[in-house]
C-alpha atoms as a PDB file:
ATOM      1  CA  MET A   1     112.536  95.422  82.520  1.00  0.00           C
ATOM      2  CA  ASN A   2     113.762  95.400  85.700  1.00  0.00           C
ATOM      3  CA  PRO A   3     112.249  92.518  87.770  1.00  0.00           C
ATOM      4  CA  GLU A   4     112.432  94.187  91.271  1.00  0.00           C
ATOM      5  CA  PHE A   5     109.615  96.912  89.764  1.00  0.00           C
ATOM      6  CA  SER A   6     107.869  93.636  87.935  1.00  0.00           C
ATOM      7  CA  HIS A   7     105.208  93.629  89.936  1.00  0.00           C
ATOM      8  CA  ILE A   8     104.398  97.890  89.598  1.00  0.00           C
ATOM      9  CA  LEU A   9     103.951  97.556  85.411  1.00  0.00           C
ATOM     10  CA  GLU A  10     101.457  95.052  85.522  1.00  0.00           C
ATOM     11  CA  ASP A  11      98.305  95.450  83.107  1.00  0.00           C
ATOM     12  CA  ARG A  12      96.144  96.714  86.067  1.00  0.00           C
ATOM     13  CA  ALA A  13      95.385  99.908  84.911  1.00  0.00           C
ATOM     14  CA  LYS A  14      91.642  99.825  83.727  1.00  0.00           C
ATOM     15  CA  MET A  15      88.907 102.664  83.750  1.00  0.00           C
ATOM     16  CA  VAL A  16      86.185 101.623  86.374  1.00  0.00           C
ATOM     17  CA  ASP A  17      83.011 100.653  84.554  1.00  0.00           C
ATOM     18  CA  ILE A  18      79.936 103.110  85.184  1.00  0.00           C
ATOM     19  CA  SER A  19      77.570 101.843  82.821  1.00  0.00           C
ATOM     20  CA  HIS A  20      75.681 100.189  85.419  1.00  0.00           C
ATOM     21  CA  LYS A  21      74.948 103.619  86.878  1.00  0.00           C
ATOM     22  CA  GLU A  22      72.059 106.092  86.618  1.00  0.00           C
ATOM     23  CA  ASP A  23      72.253 109.718  85.411  1.00  0.00           C
ATOM     24  CA  SER A  24      72.474 112.475  87.957  1.00  0.00           C
ATOM     25  CA  VAL A  25      73.209 115.849  88.750  1.00  0.00           C
ATOM     26  CA  ARG A  26      76.947 116.449  89.463  1.00  0.00           C
ATOM     27  CA  ILE A  27      78.864 119.561  90.567  1.00  0.00           C
ATOM     28  CA  ALA A  28      82.056 120.181  92.371  1.00  0.00           C
ATOM     29  CA  ARG A  29      83.931 123.234  93.125  1.00  0.00           C
ATOM     30  CA  ALA A  30      87.951 123.162  93.197  1.00  0.00           C
ATOM     31  CA  VAL A  31      89.934 126.351  94.566  1.00  0.00           C
ATOM     32  CA  GLY A  32      93.224 127.190  94.153  1.00  0.00           C
ATOM     33  CA  SER A  33      95.490 130.001  94.451  1.00  0.00           C
ATOM     34  CA  ILE A  34      98.841 131.727  92.663  1.00  0.00           C
ATOM     35  CA  ARG A  35     100.956 133.968  94.648  1.00  0.00           C
ATOM     36  CA  LEU A  36     102.396 136.689  92.756  1.00  0.00           C
ATOM     37  CA  LYS A  37     104.528 140.325  92.972  1.00  0.00           C
ATOM     38  CA  SER A  38     102.310 143.090  94.497  1.00  0.00           C
ATOM     39  CA  SER A  39     104.105 144.723  91.100  1.00  0.00           C
ATOM     40  CA  THR A  40     102.692 141.956  89.379  1.00  0.00           C
ATOM     41  CA  ILE A  41      99.293 142.305  90.642  1.00  0.00           C
ATOM     42  CA  ARG A  42      99.086 145.685  89.842  1.00  0.00           C
ATOM     43  CA  LYS A  43      99.950 145.041  86.417  1.00  0.00           C
ATOM     44  CA  ILE A  44      96.948 142.878  86.050  1.00  0.00           C
ATOM     45  CA  ARG A  45      94.453 145.150  87.772  1.00  0.00           C
ATOM     46  CA  GLU A  46      95.733 147.859  85.338  1.00  0.00           C
ATOM     47  CA  GLY A  47      95.447 145.374  82.186  1.00  0.00           C
ATOM     48  CA  THR A  48      98.948 146.342  81.432  1.00  0.00           C
ATOM     49  CA  VAL A  49     100.471 142.816  81.536  1.00  0.00           C
ATOM     50  CA  GLU A  50     102.448 142.481  77.631  1.00  0.00           C
ATOM     51  CA  LYS A  51     100.708 138.920  76.802  1.00  0.00           C
ATOM     52  CA  GLY A  52      96.932 140.630  77.370  1.00  0.00           C
ATOM     53  CA  ASN A  53      94.227 140.313  79.690  1.00  0.00           C
ATOM     54  CA  VAL A  54      95.216 137.680  81.979  1.00  0.00           C
ATOM     55  CA  LEU A  55      92.186 136.806  83.714  1.00  0.00           C
ATOM     56  CA  LEU A  56      90.005 136.138  80.115  1.00  0.00           C
ATOM     57  CA  THR A  57      92.577 134.262  79.197  1.00  0.00           C
ATOM     58  CA  ALA A  58      92.812 132.068  82.231  1.00  0.00           C
ATOM     59  CA  ARG A  59      88.859 131.893  81.952  1.00  0.00           C
ATOM     60  CA  ILE A  60      89.090 130.697  78.883  1.00  0.00           C
ATOM     61  CA  ALA A  61      92.233 127.922  79.489  1.00  0.00           C
ATOM     62  CA  ALA A  62      90.544 126.518  82.817  1.00  0.00           C
ATOM     63  CA  ILE A  63      87.008 126.262  80.384  1.00  0.00           C
ATOM     64  CA  LEU A  64      89.647 124.627  77.885  1.00  0.00           C
ATOM     65  CA  ALA A  65      90.702 122.316  80.135  1.00  0.00           C
ATOM     66  CA  VAL A  66      87.858 120.868  81.834  1.00  0.00           C
ATOM     67  CA  LYS A  67      86.023 119.931  78.493  1.00  0.00           C
ATOM     68  CA  ASN A  68      89.431 117.817  78.089  1.00  0.00           C
ATOM     69  CA  THR A  69      89.894 116.384  81.399  1.00  0.00           C
ATOM     70  CA  TYR A  70      89.534 112.991  79.875  1.00  0.00           C
ATOM     71  CA  HIS A  71      92.576 113.751  77.374  1.00  0.00           C
ATOM     72  CA  LEU A  72      95.037 114.366  79.854  1.00  0.00           C
ATOM     73  CA  ILE A  73      93.932 112.048  83.158  1.00  0.00           C
ATOM     74  CA  PRO A  74      93.736 108.389  81.475  1.00  0.00           C
ATOM     75  CA  MET A  75      91.525 106.783  83.983  1.00  0.00           C
ATOM     76  CA  CYS A  76      89.006 109.813  83.401  1.00  0.00           C
ATOM     77  CA  HIS A  77      85.613 109.161  81.573  1.00  0.00           C
ATOM     78  CA  PRO A  78      84.741 111.259  78.788  1.00  0.00           C
ATOM     79  CA  ILE A  79      81.494 113.130  80.197  1.00  0.00           C
ATOM     80  CA  PRO A  80      79.138 116.143  79.300  1.00  0.00           C
ATOM     81  CA  VAL A  81      80.187 119.521  80.329  1.00  0.00           C
ATOM     82  CA  ASP A  82      76.896 120.910  81.491  1.00  0.00           C
ATOM     83  CA  ASP A  83      78.470 124.106  82.810  1.00  0.00           C
ATOM     84  CA  VAL A  84      81.382 125.904  83.966  1.00  0.00           C
ATOM     85  CA  ASP A  85      81.810 128.487  86.117  1.00  0.00           C
ATOM     86  CA  VAL A  86      85.238 130.204  86.759  1.00  0.00           C
ATOM     87  CA  GLU A  87      85.740 133.036  89.160  1.00  0.00           C
ATOM     88  CA  PHE A  88      88.927 135.120  90.072  1.00  0.00           C
ATOM     89  CA  GLU A  89      89.601 136.983  93.805  1.00  0.00           C
ATOM     90  CA  ILE A  90      92.125 139.010  93.302  1.00  0.00           C
ATOM     91  CA  GLY A  91      94.428 140.301  96.817  1.00  0.00           C
ATOM     92  CA  ASP A  92      97.524 142.111  96.799  1.00  0.00           C
ATOM     93  CA  GLU A  93     100.450 139.872  96.331  1.00  0.00           C
ATOM     94  CA  ARG A  94      97.728 136.691  95.446  1.00  0.00           C
ATOM     95  CA  ILE A  95      95.031 135.650  92.983  1.00  0.00           C
ATOM     96  CA  SER A  96      92.653 132.890  94.284  1.00  0.00           C
ATOM     97  CA  THR A  97      90.234 131.017  91.855  1.00  0.00           C
ATOM     98  CA  SER A  98      87.489 129.295  91.866  1.00  0.00           C
ATOM     99  CA  VAL A  99      86.242 126.337  89.277  1.00  0.00           C
ATOM    100  CA  THR A 100      82.740 124.874  89.589  1.00  0.00           C
ATOM    101  CA  VAL A 101      81.604 122.010  86.990  1.00  0.00           C
ATOM    102  CA  LYS A 102      78.100 120.817  86.475  1.00  0.00           C
ATOM    103  CA  SER A 103      77.323 117.368  84.429  1.00  0.00           C
ATOM    104  CA  VAL A 104      74.222 115.389  84.123  1.00  0.00           C
ATOM    105  CA  GLY A 105      75.656 111.665  84.075  1.00  0.00           C
ATOM    106  CA  LYS A 106      77.406 108.578  85.551  1.00  0.00           C
ATOM    107  CA  THR A 107      80.168 109.809  87.289  1.00  0.00           C
ATOM    108  CA  GLY A 108      81.528 112.866  89.080  1.00  0.00           C
ATOM    109  CA  VAL A 109      82.803 116.291  87.841  1.00  0.00           C
ATOM    110  CA  GLU A 110      86.150 116.654  90.905  1.00  0.00           C
ATOM    111  CA  MET A 111      88.951 115.767  88.307  1.00  0.00           C
ATOM    112  CA  GLU A 112      87.340 118.234  85.916  1.00  0.00           C
ATOM    113  CA  ALA A 113      87.083 121.454  88.238  1.00  0.00           C
ATOM    114  CA  LEU A 114      90.769 120.393  89.652  1.00  0.00           C
ATOM    115  CA  VAL A 115      92.079 120.440  86.249  1.00  0.00           C
ATOM    116  CA  GLY A 116      90.549 123.998  85.516  1.00  0.00           C
ATOM    117  CA  VAL A 117      91.535 125.235  88.503  1.00  0.00           C
ATOM    118  CA  SER A 118      95.259 124.057  87.533  1.00  0.00           C
ATOM    119  CA  ILE A 119      95.441 124.655  84.247  1.00  0.00           C
ATOM    120  CA  ALA A 120      93.974 128.331  85.188  1.00  0.00           C
ATOM    121  CA  LEU A 121      96.406 129.382  87.826  1.00  0.00           C
ATOM    122  CA  LEU A 122      99.119 127.880  85.172  1.00  0.00           C
ATOM    123  CA  THR A 123      97.979 130.340  82.754  1.00  0.00           C
ATOM    124  CA  ILE A 124      98.250 132.770  85.201  1.00  0.00           C
ATOM    125  CA  TRP A 125     101.942 132.159  85.815  1.00  0.00           C
ATOM    126  CA  ASP A 126     102.990 132.168  82.009  1.00  0.00           C
ATOM    127  CA  MET A 127     101.126 135.315  81.301  1.00  0.00           C
ATOM    128  CA  VAL A 128     102.758 137.191  83.990  1.00  0.00           C
ATOM    129  CA  LYS A 129     106.418 135.149  84.216  1.00  0.00           C
ATOM    130  CA  SER A 130     108.114 137.963  82.609  1.00  0.00           C
ATOM    131  CA  SER A 131     107.371 140.025  85.457  1.00  0.00           C
ATOM    132  CA  GLU A 132     107.860 137.569  88.102  1.00  0.00           C
ATOM    133  CA  LYS A 133     111.283 136.409  87.224  1.00  0.00           C
ATOM    134  CA  ASP A 134     114.418 137.303  89.420  1.00  0.00           C
ATOM    135  CA  GLU A 135     117.983 138.130  88.178  1.00  0.00           C
ATOM    136  CA  GLU A 136     118.995 134.570  87.913  1.00  0.00           C
ATOM    137  CA  GLY A 137     115.342 133.675  85.848  1.00  0.00           C
ATOM    138  CA  GLY A 138     113.895 132.093  88.846  1.00  0.00           C
ATOM    139  CA  TYR A 139     110.529 132.486  90.570  1.00  0.00           C
ATOM    140  CA  PRO A 140     111.354 133.063  94.395  1.00  0.00           C
ATOM    141  CA  CYS A 141     107.938 134.825  94.735  1.00  0.00           C
ATOM    142  CA  THR A 142     105.554 132.835  92.623  1.00  0.00           C
ATOM    143  CA  SER A 143     103.880 129.825  93.804  1.00  0.00           C
ATOM    144  CA  ILE A 144     100.554 127.727  93.431  1.00  0.00           C
ATOM    145  CA  ASP A 145      99.292 126.151  96.492  1.00  0.00           C
ATOM    146  CA  GLY A 146      95.854 125.083  98.170  1.00  0.00           C
ATOM    147  CA  ILE A 147      94.213 123.607  95.091  1.00  0.00           C
ATOM    148  CA  GLN A 148      91.579 121.388  96.544  1.00  0.00           C
ATOM    149  CA  ILE A 149      87.713 120.486  96.336  1.00  0.00           C
ATOM    150  CA  GLU A 150      85.688 122.928  98.110  1.00  0.00           C
ATOM    151  CA  PHE A 151      82.513 120.706  97.531  1.00  0.00           C
ATOM    152  CA  LYS A 152      80.738 117.916  95.440  1.00  0.00           C
ATOM    153  CA  VAL A 153      77.053 117.195  95.231  1.00  0.00           C
ATOM    154  CA  LYS A 154      75.422 114.112  93.397  1.00  0.00           C
ATOM    155  CA  GLU A 155      71.568 114.631  92.918  1.00  0.00           C
ATOM    156  CA  ASN A 156      69.013 112.632  91.354  1.00  0.00           C
ATOM    157  CA  ALA A 157      68.573 113.368  87.813  1.00  0.00           C
ATOM    158  CA  GLU A 158      64.746 113.255  88.021  1.00  0.00           C
ATOM    159  CA  HIS A 159      64.535 115.417  90.702  1.00  0.00           C
ATOM    160  CA  LYS A 160      65.904 118.508  88.537  1.00  0.00           C
ATOM    161  CA  ALA A 161      64.405 119.980  85.496  1.00  0.00           C
END
C-alpha cells in the first residue's frame, strides 16, 4: 500500500447505529430522465423495441433495485419496503421517471428512491441501445441526467394507521 494514501484506507467505514431510533413513516421521491433519439421514443410508444416492453421492464427493474439497495450501497441498512411507485412521462426526445418509496422504519428511503430511478433509466438505455448507437458504436444523443431527490417525508408512525 502506498503510504501517501494510507489515511484514506483507514478502517473507518461503518454503518450508522439506528437501533435507538423510533419507527417513522418514511417517504422519498427521486426523479431523473434519459434523452433519446425521437425515432427511439417512437419505437417505445409503438411497442416495436426488439427487446420488448421498455417501460414495463424498467418499472420492474426499478422495484427490484429499490428492494436490493442495501446490497449495492455498502452502508445502507436493509429496510422494509412497504410501497414503490414508478411513473414515466414520455416527451419527444426524453423520458422522465419518478420513483416514490415508502417504508415504516428507523431510517430514510432516499437512497432506495435514487437507486430505483437510476436502474429504471439504465434499463431503458439497455433496452434501446441498438437504436441509439451511431455508426461508430457510440451514443452521442443518449444521456441520463437530473437524478435527484424531489422530496422526502418523515412522519411519526403513531399518526398513521
